[in-house]
Protein backbone atom coordinates (compact mmCIF):
# COMPACT_ATOMS: atom_id res chain seq x y z
CA MET A 1 0.00 0.00 0.00
CA THR A 2 1.49 3.33 -1.05
CA SER A 3 1.71 6.11 1.51
CA PRO A 4 -0.17 9.34 0.72
CA GLU A 5 1.83 12.11 -0.90
CA LYS A 6 3.12 14.78 1.42
CA PRO A 7 2.10 18.39 0.78
CA ARG A 8 4.72 20.21 -1.33
CA LEU A 9 6.64 23.17 0.13
CA LEU A 10 9.20 25.31 -1.72
CA ILE A 11 11.69 27.23 0.43
CA VAL A 12 13.41 30.17 -1.31
CA ASP A 13 16.28 31.62 0.77
CA ASP A 14 19.77 32.77 -0.24
CA ASP A 15 21.27 31.59 3.07
CA GLU A 16 22.28 27.93 2.67
CA LYS A 17 22.40 27.30 6.42
CA SER A 18 18.85 28.61 6.86
CA ARG A 19 17.59 26.49 3.97
CA ILE A 20 19.10 23.29 5.33
CA GLU A 21 17.85 23.92 8.87
CA LEU A 22 14.32 24.57 7.66
CA GLN A 23 14.44 21.47 5.49
CA GLU A 24 15.49 19.32 8.45
CA ASP A 25 12.83 20.81 10.72
CA LEU A 26 9.95 20.47 8.24
CA ALA A 27 10.81 17.34 6.22
CA GLY A 28 8.68 15.13 8.47
CA ASP A 29 5.50 16.91 7.41
CA TYR A 30 6.22 18.16 3.89
CA GLU A 31 8.02 17.30 0.69
CA ILE A 32 10.65 20.04 0.62
CA PHE A 33 12.11 21.79 -2.44
CA LEU A 34 14.91 24.36 -2.17
CA ALA A 35 15.97 27.43 -4.18
CA GLU A 36 18.47 30.22 -3.49
CA ASP A 37 17.66 32.86 -6.16
CA ARG A 38 15.15 33.96 -8.78
CA ALA A 39 16.23 31.59 -11.54
CA THR A 40 16.28 28.42 -9.41
CA ALA A 41 13.03 29.47 -7.66
CA VAL A 42 11.15 29.78 -10.96
CA GLU A 43 12.65 26.57 -12.38
CA THR A 44 11.90 24.57 -9.22
CA PHE A 45 8.41 26.05 -8.99
CA ARG A 46 7.62 24.96 -12.55
CA SER A 47 8.89 21.42 -12.00
CA SER A 48 7.54 20.74 -8.49
CA ASN A 49 4.27 22.76 -8.52
CA PRO A 50 4.28 23.37 -4.74
CA GLN A 51 1.07 24.32 -2.95
CA VAL A 52 2.95 26.67 -0.58
CA VAL A 53 6.11 28.76 -0.95
CA LEU A 54 8.19 30.14 1.93
CA LEU A 55 9.95 33.16 0.42
CA ASP A 56 12.76 35.30 1.86
CA LEU A 57 12.47 38.79 0.34
CA GLY A 58 16.22 39.45 0.58
CA LEU A 59 17.51 37.59 -2.49
CA PRO A 60 20.58 38.15 -4.67
CA PRO A 61 21.67 40.35 -6.28
CA GLN A 62 19.81 42.74 -3.89
CA GLN A 63 19.99 40.97 -0.54
CA GLU A 64 19.73 44.26 1.36
CA GLY A 65 16.36 45.19 -0.13
CA PRO A 66 13.03 43.49 -0.92
CA GLU A 67 12.88 44.20 -4.67
CA GLU A 68 14.23 40.86 -5.90
CA GLY A 69 12.04 38.91 -3.51
CA LEU A 70 8.97 40.90 -4.57
CA ALA A 71 9.82 40.21 -8.21
CA VAL A 72 9.98 36.47 -7.48
CA LEU A 73 6.62 36.71 -5.68
CA SER A 74 4.99 38.31 -8.73
CA ILE A 75 6.44 35.73 -11.13
CA LEU A 76 5.35 32.73 -9.04
CA LEU A 77 1.80 34.03 -8.64
CA SER A 78 1.60 34.75 -12.36
CA LEU A 79 2.41 31.07 -12.94
CA ASN A 80 -0.24 29.85 -10.47
CA ARG A 81 -2.55 32.28 -8.64
CA ARG A 82 -3.75 29.53 -6.30
CA THR A 83 -0.29 29.01 -4.75
CA LYS A 84 0.05 30.38 -1.22
CA VAL A 85 3.24 32.40 -0.70
CA MET A 86 4.38 33.21 2.84
CA VAL A 87 7.11 35.87 2.91
CA LEU A 88 9.91 36.25 5.46
CA THR A 89 10.97 39.79 6.36
CA GLY A 90 13.41 41.31 8.82
CA LEU A 91 12.26 42.80 12.11
CA GLY A 92 10.92 46.31 11.66
CA GLU A 93 10.29 45.82 7.94
CA LYS A 94 6.49 45.79 8.13
CA GLN A 95 6.25 48.09 5.11
CA ASN A 96 7.91 45.44 2.94
CA ALA A 97 5.54 42.81 4.26
CA LEU A 98 2.53 44.99 3.42
CA ARG A 99 3.87 45.50 -0.11
CA ALA A 100 4.12 41.73 -0.47
CA ILE A 101 0.53 41.26 0.77
CA GLY A 102 -0.57 43.87 -1.75
CA LEU A 103 1.06 41.84 -4.53
CA GLY A 104 -0.81 38.70 -3.47
CA ALA A 105 1.26 37.08 -0.69
CA TYR A 106 -0.84 34.97 1.65
CA ASN A 107 0.93 35.88 4.92
CA PHE A 108 4.24 37.12 6.34
CA LEU A 109 6.53 36.19 9.23
CA SER A 110 9.34 38.22 10.78
CA GLN A 111 12.89 36.86 10.97
CA PRO A 112 14.42 35.26 12.93
CA VAL A 113 11.54 32.81 12.63
CA ASP A 114 10.14 31.03 15.67
CA LEU A 115 9.88 27.37 14.60
CA VAL A 116 6.68 26.68 16.56
CA GLU A 117 5.02 29.75 15.08
CA LEU A 118 6.19 28.77 11.60
CA LYS A 119 4.80 25.25 11.91
CA HIS A 120 1.42 26.58 13.06
CA ALA A 121 1.35 29.11 10.22
CA LEU A 122 2.21 26.45 7.63
CA LYS A 123 -0.41 24.08 9.02
CA ARG A 124 -3.09 26.76 8.71
CA CYS A 125 -1.90 27.66 5.21
CA PHE A 126 -2.00 24.08 3.92
CA TYR A 127 -5.44 23.66 5.49
CA VAL A 128 -6.71 26.58 3.39
CA VAL A 129 -5.09 25.00 0.31
CA GLN A 130 -6.93 21.75 1.03
CA LEU A 131 -10.27 23.54 1.38
CA GLU A 132 -9.76 25.39 -1.89
CA GLU A 133 -8.77 22.19 -3.72
CA GLU A 134 -11.85 20.37 -2.39
CA TYR A 135 -14.08 23.26 -3.40
CA ALA A 136 -12.56 23.31 -6.90
CA GLU A 137 -13.19 19.57 -7.27
CA MET A 138 -16.76 20.04 -6.06
CA GLN A 139 -17.30 22.77 -8.65
CA LYS A 140 -16.03 20.42 -11.38
CA LEU A 141 -18.50 17.75 -10.27
CA VAL A 142 -21.32 20.27 -10.17
CA ARG A 143 -20.53 21.46 -13.69
CA ALA A 144 -20.19 17.88 -14.95
CA ASP A 145 -23.56 16.85 -13.52
CA SER A 146 -25.50 19.95 -14.57
CA PHE A 147 -27.20 21.11 -17.72
CA GLU A 148 -27.36 24.92 -17.85
CA GLY A 149 -27.44 24.87 -14.04
CA ILE A 150 -30.08 22.11 -13.83
CA GLN A 151 -28.78 19.25 -11.69
CA GLY A 152 -29.66 15.76 -12.85
CA THR A 153 -28.26 12.64 -14.49
CA SER A 154 -31.29 10.35 -14.26
CA LEU A 155 -32.86 8.89 -17.37
CA ARG A 156 -36.09 10.72 -16.53
CA MET A 157 -34.33 14.05 -17.10
CA ARG A 158 -32.55 13.17 -20.34
CA PRO A 159 -35.63 13.67 -22.56
CA VAL A 160 -36.09 17.07 -20.90
CA PHE A 161 -32.52 18.09 -21.76
CA ASP A 162 -32.97 16.80 -25.33
CA VAL A 163 -36.11 18.89 -25.88
CA ILE A 164 -34.43 22.01 -24.44
CA LYS A 165 -31.53 21.61 -26.88
CA LYS A 166 -33.89 21.25 -29.84
CA VAL A 167 -36.42 23.95 -28.99
CA ALA A 168 -33.86 26.57 -27.92
CA ALA A 169 -32.76 27.11 -31.52
CA SER A 170 -36.26 28.22 -32.56
CA ASP A 171 -38.60 31.00 -31.44
CA ALA A 172 -41.55 28.66 -30.92
CA PRO A 173 -43.60 29.22 -27.74
CA VAL A 174 -42.99 26.59 -25.07
CA LEU A 175 -45.29 25.36 -22.31
CA ILE A 176 -43.56 23.77 -19.30
CA LEU A 177 -45.72 21.46 -17.19
CA GLY A 178 -44.90 20.05 -13.79
CA GLU A 179 -45.68 20.05 -10.12
CA SER A 180 -44.75 23.02 -7.98
CA GLY A 181 -41.05 23.06 -7.15
CA THR A 182 -39.84 20.91 -10.05
CA GLY A 183 -37.71 23.68 -11.56
CA LYS A 184 -39.86 25.12 -14.35
CA GLU A 185 -38.20 28.56 -14.23
CA MET A 186 -34.75 26.94 -14.45
CA VAL A 187 -35.85 25.14 -17.62
CA ALA A 188 -37.13 28.43 -19.04
CA ARG A 189 -33.78 30.07 -18.28
CA ALA A 190 -31.94 27.14 -19.89
CA ILE A 191 -33.98 27.63 -23.08
CA HIS A 192 -33.13 31.34 -23.03
CA GLN A 193 -29.42 30.74 -22.42
CA ARG A 194 -29.18 28.31 -25.33
CA SER A 195 -31.09 30.54 -27.74
CA HIS A 196 -29.92 33.34 -30.02
CA ARG A 197 -31.66 35.68 -27.55
CA LYS A 198 -29.27 34.87 -24.70
CA ASN A 199 -27.80 38.39 -24.73
CA GLY A 200 -31.28 39.90 -24.47
CA PRO A 201 -33.43 40.22 -21.33
CA PHE A 202 -35.04 37.30 -19.51
CA VAL A 203 -38.21 38.74 -17.96
CA ALA A 204 -40.16 36.55 -15.54
CA ILE A 205 -43.59 37.25 -14.10
CA ASN A 206 -45.52 35.06 -11.67
CA CYS A 207 -49.11 35.42 -12.84
CA GLY A 208 -50.43 33.86 -9.65
CA ALA A 209 -48.69 36.37 -7.36
CA ILE A 210 -50.14 39.55 -8.90
CA PRO A 211 -53.65 40.79 -8.01
CA GLU A 212 -56.05 40.56 -10.94
CA THR A 213 -56.60 44.33 -10.85
CA LEU A 214 -52.88 44.99 -11.42
CA MET A 215 -52.05 42.22 -13.86
CA GLU A 216 -53.01 44.06 -17.04
CA SER A 217 -50.80 47.06 -16.24
CA GLU A 218 -47.95 44.73 -15.21
CA LEU A 219 -48.10 42.86 -18.48
CA PHE A 220 -48.96 45.60 -20.97
CA GLY A 221 -47.84 48.86 -19.33
CA TYR A 222 -49.75 52.12 -19.35
CA GLU A 223 -49.73 55.73 -20.51
CA LYS A 224 -49.56 58.76 -18.24
CA GLY A 225 -53.03 59.58 -16.93
CA ALA A 226 -54.52 56.21 -17.94
CA PHE A 227 -55.90 55.79 -14.42
CA THR A 228 -55.56 57.33 -10.97
CA GLY A 229 -51.92 57.09 -9.90
CA ALA A 230 -50.56 56.75 -13.45
CA HIS A 231 -48.25 59.74 -13.15
CA ALA A 232 -45.90 58.69 -15.95
CA GLN A 233 -45.73 56.26 -18.84
CA ARG A 234 -44.56 52.81 -17.82
CA LYS A 235 -43.52 49.79 -19.87
CA GLY A 236 -45.09 46.43 -19.08
CA ARG A 237 -43.25 43.13 -18.69
CA ILE A 238 -44.01 42.09 -22.27
CA GLU A 239 -42.35 45.21 -23.67
CA MET A 240 -39.40 44.82 -21.28
CA ALA A 241 -38.74 41.40 -22.83
CA ASN A 242 -38.19 42.83 -26.32
CA ASP A 243 -35.40 40.91 -28.11
CA GLY A 244 -35.35 38.45 -25.21
CA THR A 245 -37.56 35.89 -23.48
CA LEU A 246 -40.80 36.43 -21.55
CA PHE A 247 -41.46 33.76 -18.91
CA LEU A 248 -45.09 33.57 -17.76
CA ASP A 249 -45.17 31.39 -14.66
CA GLU A 250 -48.51 30.04 -13.40
CA ILE A 251 -50.11 30.95 -16.73
CA GLY A 252 -53.32 29.21 -15.67
CA GLU A 253 -54.00 32.04 -13.20
CA ILE A 254 -54.45 34.72 -15.91
CA PRO A 255 -58.10 35.90 -16.00
CA LEU A 256 -60.10 35.35 -19.19
CA PRO A 257 -60.19 39.02 -20.38
CA LEU A 258 -56.38 39.18 -20.26
CA GLN A 259 -56.11 35.83 -22.02
CA VAL A 260 -57.69 37.52 -25.05
CA LYS A 261 -55.09 40.32 -25.02
CA LEU A 262 -52.25 37.84 -24.54
CA LEU A 263 -53.53 35.76 -27.46
CA ARG A 264 -53.52 38.88 -29.66
CA PHE A 265 -49.91 39.57 -28.72
CA LEU A 266 -48.90 36.00 -29.56
CA GLN A 267 -50.63 36.25 -32.94
CA GLU A 268 -49.52 39.73 -33.98
CA GLN A 269 -46.43 40.47 -31.83
CA THR A 270 -47.88 43.88 -30.95
CA ILE A 271 -49.35 45.39 -27.79
CA GLU A 272 -51.04 48.59 -26.67
CA HIS A 273 -50.46 50.35 -23.34
CA ILE A 274 -53.47 50.87 -21.11
CA GLY A 275 -54.80 54.29 -22.11
CA GLY A 276 -52.80 54.24 -25.33
CA ARG A 277 -53.81 53.95 -28.96
CA GLN A 278 -50.47 53.24 -30.58
CA GLU A 279 -49.52 49.69 -31.46
CA ILE A 280 -46.06 48.75 -30.16
CA ALA A 281 -44.14 45.95 -31.87
CA VAL A 282 -42.49 43.55 -29.44
CA ASN A 283 -40.12 40.78 -30.52
CA ALA A 284 -40.17 38.44 -27.52
CA ARG A 285 -40.10 34.67 -27.25
CA VAL A 286 -42.77 33.39 -24.83
CA VAL A 287 -42.21 30.50 -22.44
CA ALA A 288 -45.11 29.68 -20.10
CA ALA A 289 -45.40 27.29 -17.18
CA THR A 290 -48.11 25.86 -14.97
CA ASN A 291 -48.73 23.19 -12.37
CA LEU A 292 -52.43 23.11 -13.28
CA GLU A 293 -54.11 20.71 -15.70
CA LEU A 294 -55.00 23.23 -18.39
CA LYS A 295 -57.15 20.76 -20.31
CA LYS A 296 -59.45 20.53 -17.28
CA ALA A 297 -59.43 24.33 -17.09
CA MET A 298 -60.43 24.46 -20.78
CA ALA A 299 -63.25 22.01 -20.13
CA ALA A 300 -64.42 24.29 -17.31
CA ASN A 301 -64.17 27.32 -19.63
CA SER A 302 -61.63 29.04 -17.37
CA PHE A 303 -58.79 28.82 -19.91
CA ARG A 304 -59.09 29.55 -23.63
CA GLU A 305 -58.44 26.63 -25.94
CA ASP A 306 -56.95 28.84 -28.67
CA LEU A 307 -54.50 30.37 -26.17
CA PHE A 308 -53.48 26.91 -24.97
CA TYR A 309 -52.56 25.77 -28.48
CA ARG A 310 -50.69 29.04 -29.14
CA LEU A 311 -48.62 28.56 -25.98
CA ALA A 312 -48.13 24.80 -26.25
CA VAL A 313 -46.41 24.58 -29.64
CA VAL A 314 -43.79 22.60 -27.72
CA GLN A 315 -44.55 21.03 -24.35
CA ILE A 316 -42.00 19.98 -21.74
CA THR A 317 -43.18 17.90 -18.80
CA LEU A 318 -40.92 17.87 -15.76
CA PRO A 319 -40.95 14.69 -13.66
CA PRO A 320 -41.54 15.07 -9.91
CA LEU A 321 -38.50 14.47 -7.72
CA ARG A 322 -39.93 11.17 -6.41
CA GLU A 323 -39.56 9.78 -9.94
CA ARG A 324 -35.89 10.84 -10.17
CA ASP A 325 -34.47 8.33 -7.69
CA SER A 326 -30.85 8.62 -8.73
CA ASP A 327 -30.98 12.44 -8.68
CA ILE A 328 -32.18 12.87 -5.11
CA ARG A 329 -28.83 12.17 -3.48
CA LEU A 330 -26.97 14.12 -6.19
CA LEU A 331 -29.17 17.16 -5.57
CA ALA A 332 -28.86 16.82 -1.79
CA GLN A 333 -25.06 16.78 -2.06
CA TYR A 334 -25.09 19.69 -4.51
CA PHE A 335 -27.17 21.82 -2.12
CA LEU A 336 -25.02 20.76 0.85
CA ASN A 337 -21.82 21.77 -0.96
CA ARG A 338 -23.35 25.15 -1.70
CA PHE A 339 -24.85 25.90 1.70
CA ALA A 340 -21.90 24.51 3.69
CA ILE A 341 -19.72 27.23 2.16
CA GLU A 342 -22.39 29.86 2.89
CA VAL A 343 -22.59 28.96 6.59
CA HIS A 344 -18.78 28.56 6.94
CA LYS A 345 -18.89 24.80 7.57
CA PRO A 346 -16.90 23.55 4.54
CA HIS A 347 -16.38 20.01 5.85
CA LEU A 348 -20.06 19.34 6.56
CA THR A 349 -21.22 15.89 5.41
CA PHE A 350 -24.33 13.71 5.69
CA ASP A 351 -24.67 11.04 8.36
CA GLN A 352 -25.79 7.70 6.87
CA ASP A 353 -29.13 7.90 8.73
CA ALA A 354 -29.66 11.34 7.19
CA LEU A 355 -29.05 9.94 3.70
CA ARG A 356 -31.53 7.15 4.36
CA ALA A 357 -34.11 9.68 5.52
CA ILE A 358 -33.54 11.74 2.36
CA ASN A 359 -34.02 8.66 0.16
CA ARG A 360 -37.19 7.60 2.04
CA HIS A 361 -38.92 10.97 1.87
CA THR A 362 -41.38 11.45 -0.99
CA TRP A 363 -40.60 15.18 -1.46
CA PRO A 364 -44.09 16.50 -2.26
CA GLY A 365 -42.53 19.96 -2.65
CA ASN A 366 -39.98 18.53 -5.10
CA VAL A 367 -36.58 20.19 -5.66
CA ARG A 368 -37.61 23.41 -3.90
CA GLU A 369 -38.51 21.46 -0.74
CA LEU A 370 -35.21 19.55 -0.85
CA GLU A 371 -33.24 22.78 -1.30
CA ASN A 372 -34.92 24.48 1.67
CA CYS A 373 -34.52 21.35 3.78
CA ILE A 374 -30.76 21.12 3.17
CA ARG A 375 -30.27 24.87 3.73
CA ARG A 376 -32.00 24.64 7.12
CA ALA A 377 -30.08 21.50 8.07
CA ALA A 378 -26.73 23.12 7.20
CA ILE A 379 -27.55 26.03 9.48
CA MET A 380 -28.79 23.87 12.38
CA ALA A 381 -26.18 21.07 12.23
CA GLU A 382 -23.74 20.82 15.12
CA GLY A 383 -20.33 19.34 14.43
CA ARG A 384 -19.23 18.06 11.04
CA ARG A 385 -22.26 15.91 10.14
CA ILE A 386 -25.88 16.56 9.27
CA MET A 387 -27.93 14.12 11.32
CA ALA A 388 -31.38 12.78 10.42
CA GLY A 389 -32.94 15.01 13.06
CA ASP A 390 -31.44 18.13 11.46
CA LEU A 391 -33.53 17.47 8.34
CA GLU A 392 -36.82 17.65 10.29
CA LEU A 393 -38.48 15.17 7.95
CA SER A 394 -41.47 14.01 9.96
CA ALA A 395 -43.05 10.65 9.32
CA SER A 396 -46.33 12.38 8.48
CA ALA A 397 -44.64 14.15 5.58
CA ASP A 398 -43.39 10.89 4.12
CA ALA A 399 -46.80 9.41 3.39
CA PRO A 400 -50.47 10.40 3.23
CA ALA A 401 -52.50 9.97 6.41
CA PHE A 402 -54.47 7.18 4.70
CA ILE A 403 -53.87 5.16 1.56
CA THR A 404 -55.84 2.30 0.03
CA LEU A 405 -54.24 -1.08 -0.60
CA LYS A 406 -54.70 -0.55 -4.35
CA ASP A 407 -52.89 2.82 -4.20
CA ALA A 408 -50.14 1.36 -2.01
CA ARG A 409 -49.60 -1.53 -4.44
CA GLU A 410 -49.46 0.82 -7.43
CA ALA A 411 -47.03 3.14 -5.63
CA VAL A 412 -44.68 0.24 -4.88
CA ASP A 413 -45.00 -1.15 -8.44
CA ARG A 414 -44.23 2.26 -9.87
CA GLN A 415 -41.22 2.77 -7.60
CA TRP A 416 -39.62 -0.58 -8.45
CA ILE A 417 -40.32 -0.33 -12.18
CA LEU A 418 -38.71 3.11 -12.31
CA ARG A 419 -35.76 1.83 -10.30
CA ALA A 420 -35.26 -1.17 -12.61
CA LEU A 421 -35.47 1.02 -15.71
CA GLU A 422 -32.96 3.41 -14.16
CA ILE A 423 -30.52 0.60 -13.30
CA HIS A 424 -30.72 -0.90 -16.80
CA SER A 425 -30.64 2.41 -18.71
CA GLY A 426 -34.16 1.98 -20.05
CA ASN A 427 -33.59 -1.53 -21.45
CA ILE A 428 -37.03 -3.16 -21.16
CA THR A 429 -35.80 -6.77 -21.44
CA SER A 430 -33.17 -6.37 -18.70
CA ALA A 431 -35.60 -4.46 -16.47
CA ALA A 432 -38.21 -7.21 -16.86
CA VAL A 433 -35.64 -9.89 -15.89
CA GLU A 434 -34.64 -7.77 -12.86
CA LEU A 435 -38.30 -7.58 -11.79
CA GLY A 436 -39.01 -11.27 -12.50
CA ILE A 437 -41.75 -10.59 -15.04
CA SER A 438 -42.15 -10.84 -18.82
CA ARG A 439 -41.58 -7.95 -21.24
CA THR A 440 -45.31 -8.01 -22.06
CA THR A 441 -46.29 -7.75 -18.40
CA LEU A 442 -43.84 -4.89 -17.89
CA TYR A 443 -45.26 -2.99 -20.87
CA GLU A 444 -48.80 -3.53 -19.52
CA LEU A 445 -47.81 -2.26 -16.08
CA MET A 446 -46.06 0.77 -17.56
CA SER A 447 -49.19 1.61 -19.55
CA LYS A 448 -51.45 1.10 -16.53
CA LEU A 449 -49.26 3.26 -14.29
CA ASP A 450 -48.69 5.88 -17.02
CA ILE A 451 -44.93 5.39 -16.94
CA LYS A 452 -43.46 6.98 -20.06
CA TRP A 453 -39.85 6.18 -20.85
CA GLU A 454 -37.81 7.50 -23.75
CA LYS A 455 -35.79 4.81 -25.51
CA GLU A 456 -32.02 5.31 -25.39
């Protein structure tokens, strides 16, 4: 079994005796590299890539001043800004130390150096290096597992990503369907970011959060004097989205009279301010979202059928978190990495009981509920681990108060079918073998339980 690599430390000092003494004192904890001037310091730095450099500012040919040492500092940091450089200065030379800090040095120590103080300073410095390296690795993982900021690698999300890629290149209206908290606005932003409009505005409006009496002016704007309190002309959200993307969240909450005006805008790409008579051309791509069943709303005559078909040229349905088994832990870790930095607990991890609780929970509030849960747990956790109790996931939240045997059976069937499909990358034959049933039976169950799966 190979021993772990020691952290790498470069000592730059023109005094050979000092270099050797420091090497002997620190060799037990670090892999030591030595240099006595600018040329050897740069060469050794390039070849050894040390995480920390201990740099004497008094280097030849100007041992009596700091200029050569400061020059070496600048060169090393230009080669790798993440390297931590601790400078050594003479007593009473605080001004030189401050100049070094201004150039990017991590810390300074006065000579002659107290060995105990030096060891403590180096230990703290390498600890910071470790934290930064771990954070950088975490960021790589986050980027690797995300699609335009949307976290997810499960097969249930791949069709979503495929549709985003295809639809982003066009200006076709998009309707995003999904339960509350599934990330509909993030999908809308991903479409915007991948479109030719990405340098234009992304204007979002939550139609369910605005009183009906104010919604028309919010959407279409108004002229001065159009109504009491209209002291100046004001653009509406539609006009603000010109040359960009307009995101209409909770579109099902728009009252019928405004649905007519919105339909006219979608057809003609023009609007009129309240109190105005001039038609204003607006070039905006419309993305709408809802957690309502709009077809039921159409049947109840509370949502216009012609508006629905104008908005739903392309539909994207987001799966609830409970159907994204393999993403739950990924998302939990992503949120923990983020919030642990925010609350200054960078080494915070999940206890195994906490992970089991996260996997058991059904997450009725979807990704938004998970995010808020992990944020709260990171704040409340004591020590280096998030415990199950920190998550505050009550048993009552995990399941309905009452469930029929039929519903319970279907819920279990659905869970295990989705899990088998996930494990076998959507291969129906392999999933059927895993479940101990025939391909025909699996297809029948998928149809009965409305499980839709895109073929790889």
